[in-house]
């Protein structure tokens, strides 16, 4: 009997989230906040707007706003009006978040390396293709 890919994807995502949350706790973060620090940290030379975060994580504006407000209260990010458009909010990591960035990137890179070690490049290409198909299919 074939596996239900939707169930497997959901279980894998849940397990990944739980593991990330457990690791993040030691730094007073959540897994989602770690993902945000990673996203912003890897784009430190770019202007990142709140709408870029919404697109990257496929979340609604209200969800991004709540997440960023919590991160602001923790002193992890600053939101300011973008120079190119005052209606848009630019999101910048604070020094506190920059100091956590190495731990965050290390964890994420190690998780990626584990997956890449378990599968051949051809298998990874198939998994990537399947996941991208799933993402695009659900946009319809």
Protein backbone atom coordinates (compact mmCIF):
# COMPACT_ATOMS: atom_id res chain seq x y z
CA UNK A 1 0.00 0.00 0.00
CA UNK A 2 1.31 3.42 -0.94
CA UNK A 3 2.06 5.97 1.78
CA UNK A 4 -0.15 9.02 2.14
CA UNK A 5 2.29 11.80 1.28
CA UNK A 6 0.15 14.48 2.91
CA UNK A 7 0.25 12.63 6.23
CA UNK A 8 3.99 11.99 5.94
CA UNK A 9 4.71 15.62 5.11
CA UNK A 10 2.60 16.79 8.06
CA UNK A 11 4.27 14.35 10.47
CA UNK A 12 7.75 15.27 9.26
CA UNK A 13 6.98 18.98 9.60
CA UNK A 14 5.55 18.49 13.10
CA UNK A 15 8.58 16.45 14.21
CA UNK A 16 10.94 19.02 12.73
CA UNK A 17 9.06 21.83 14.52
CA UNK A 18 9.19 19.99 17.86
CA UNK A 19 12.93 19.35 17.55
CA UNK A 20 13.59 22.94 16.56
CA UNK A 21 11.48 24.27 19.44
CA UNK A 22 13.36 22.04 21.88
CA UNK A 23 16.72 23.34 20.65
CA UNK A 24 15.50 26.95 20.57
CA UNK A 25 14.28 26.85 24.17
CA UNK A 26 17.85 26.97 25.52
CA UNK A 27 18.21 30.41 23.91
CA UNK A 28 14.79 31.68 24.99
CA UNK A 29 13.49 31.37 21.44
CA UNK A 30 10.89 29.40 19.54
CA UNK A 31 11.61 27.41 16.41
CA UNK A 32 9.72 29.97 14.34
CA UNK A 33 11.85 32.77 15.79
CA UNK A 34 14.95 30.75 14.92
CA UNK A 35 13.70 30.41 11.35
CA UNK A 36 13.13 34.16 11.21
CA UNK A 37 16.61 34.92 12.55
CA UNK A 38 18.06 32.52 9.98
CA UNK A 39 16.09 34.13 7.14
CA UNK A 40 17.05 37.67 8.13
CA UNK A 41 20.64 36.73 8.98
CA UNK A 42 21.28 35.13 5.62
CA UNK A 43 19.98 38.29 3.95
CA UNK A 44 21.83 40.77 6.14
CA UNK A 45 23.10 42.68 3.08
CA UNK A 46 19.58 43.09 1.67
CA UNK A 47 16.64 45.23 2.66
CA UNK A 48 14.07 42.78 4.00
CA UNK A 49 10.50 43.97 4.23
CA UNK A 50 7.71 42.41 6.23
CA UNK A 51 6.06 41.37 2.95
CA UNK A 52 9.24 39.38 2.09
CA UNK A 53 8.78 37.45 5.33
CA UNK A 54 5.12 36.85 4.53
CA UNK A 55 6.08 35.45 1.13
CA UNK A 56 9.02 33.35 2.36
CA UNK A 57 7.04 31.65 5.12
CA UNK A 58 3.70 31.70 3.28
CA UNK A 59 1.96 33.45 6.17
CA UNK A 60 -0.69 36.14 6.37
CA UNK A 61 0.17 39.74 7.15
CA UNK A 62 -1.53 39.50 10.56
CA UNK A 63 0.50 36.40 11.48
CA UNK A 64 3.74 38.09 10.45
CA UNK A 65 2.80 41.20 12.42
CA UNK A 66 2.15 39.22 15.63
CA UNK A 67 5.37 37.23 15.19
CA UNK A 68 7.45 40.36 14.59
CA UNK A 69 5.82 42.23 17.48
CA UNK A 70 6.80 39.37 19.81
CA UNK A 71 10.32 39.40 18.43
CA UNK A 72 10.48 43.18 18.95
CA UNK A 73 9.41 42.77 22.59
CA UNK A 74 12.20 40.21 23.04
CA UNK A 75 14.68 42.65 21.53
CA UNK A 76 15.40 40.45 18.50
CA UNK A 77 14.26 42.68 15.64
CA UNK A 78 13.48 46.28 14.86
CA UNK A 79 10.87 47.33 12.33
CA UNK A 80 11.19 50.70 10.68
CA UNK A 81 9.72 52.43 7.68
CA UNK A 82 11.51 51.41 4.50
CA UNK A 83 13.49 54.12 2.74
CA UNK A 84 11.96 53.13 -0.61
CA UNK A 85 8.35 53.16 0.63
CA UNK A 86 7.33 54.53 4.03
CA UNK A 87 4.21 52.32 3.97
CA UNK A 88 6.42 49.21 4.05
CA UNK A 89 8.21 47.98 7.16
CA UNK A 90 11.85 46.98 6.93
CA UNK A 91 12.86 44.29 9.43
CA UNK A 92 16.36 44.34 10.91
CA UNK A 93 18.03 41.98 13.38
CA UNK A 94 19.20 43.57 16.61
CA UNK A 95 22.65 42.92 18.05
CA UNK A 96 21.05 40.40 20.44
CA UNK A 97 19.71 38.38 17.48
CA UNK A 98 22.97 38.72 15.56
CA UNK A 99 24.74 37.14 18.54
CA UNK A 100 22.29 34.19 18.38
CA UNK A 101 22.57 33.89 14.59
CA UNK A 102 25.57 31.53 14.67
CA UNK A 103 23.72 29.05 16.91
CA UNK A 104 20.64 29.25 14.72
CA UNK A 105 22.52 28.81 11.44
CA UNK A 106 24.58 25.98 12.89
CA UNK A 107 21.47 24.06 13.96
CA UNK A 108 19.73 24.56 10.61
CA UNK A 109 22.86 23.69 8.62
CA UNK A 110 23.37 20.54 10.72
CA UNK A 111 19.78 19.45 10.12
CA UNK A 112 20.26 19.97 6.39
CA UNK A 113 23.55 18.04 6.45
CA UNK A 114 21.82 15.08 8.17
CA UNK A 115 19.25 14.89 5.40
CA UNK A 116 21.87 15.23 2.67
CA UNK A 117 23.98 12.49 4.28
CA UNK A 118 21.01 10.11 4.33
CA UNK A 119 20.11 10.51 0.65
CA UNK A 120 21.97 10.60 -2.64
CA UNK A 121 21.89 13.79 -4.72
CA UNK A 122 19.45 12.09 -7.10
CA UNK A 123 17.14 11.18 -4.21
CA UNK A 124 17.38 14.72 -2.85
CA UNK A 125 16.42 16.07 -6.26
CA UNK A 126 13.32 13.85 -6.28
CA UNK A 127 12.33 14.91 -2.77
CA UNK A 128 12.80 18.58 -3.70
CA UNK A 129 10.75 18.09 -6.84
CA UNK A 130 7.96 16.35 -4.90
CA UNK A 131 7.84 19.02 -2.21
CA UNK A 132 7.82 21.84 -4.77
CA UNK A 133 5.02 20.05 -6.62
CA UNK A 134 3.06 19.80 -3.37
CA UNK A 135 3.56 23.50 -2.64
CA UNK A 136 2.50 24.57 -6.14
CA UNK A 137 -0.43 22.14 -6.25
CA UNK A 138 -1.84 23.57 -3.04
CA UNK A 139 -1.73 27.13 -4.44
CA UNK A 140 -4.39 26.20 -6.97
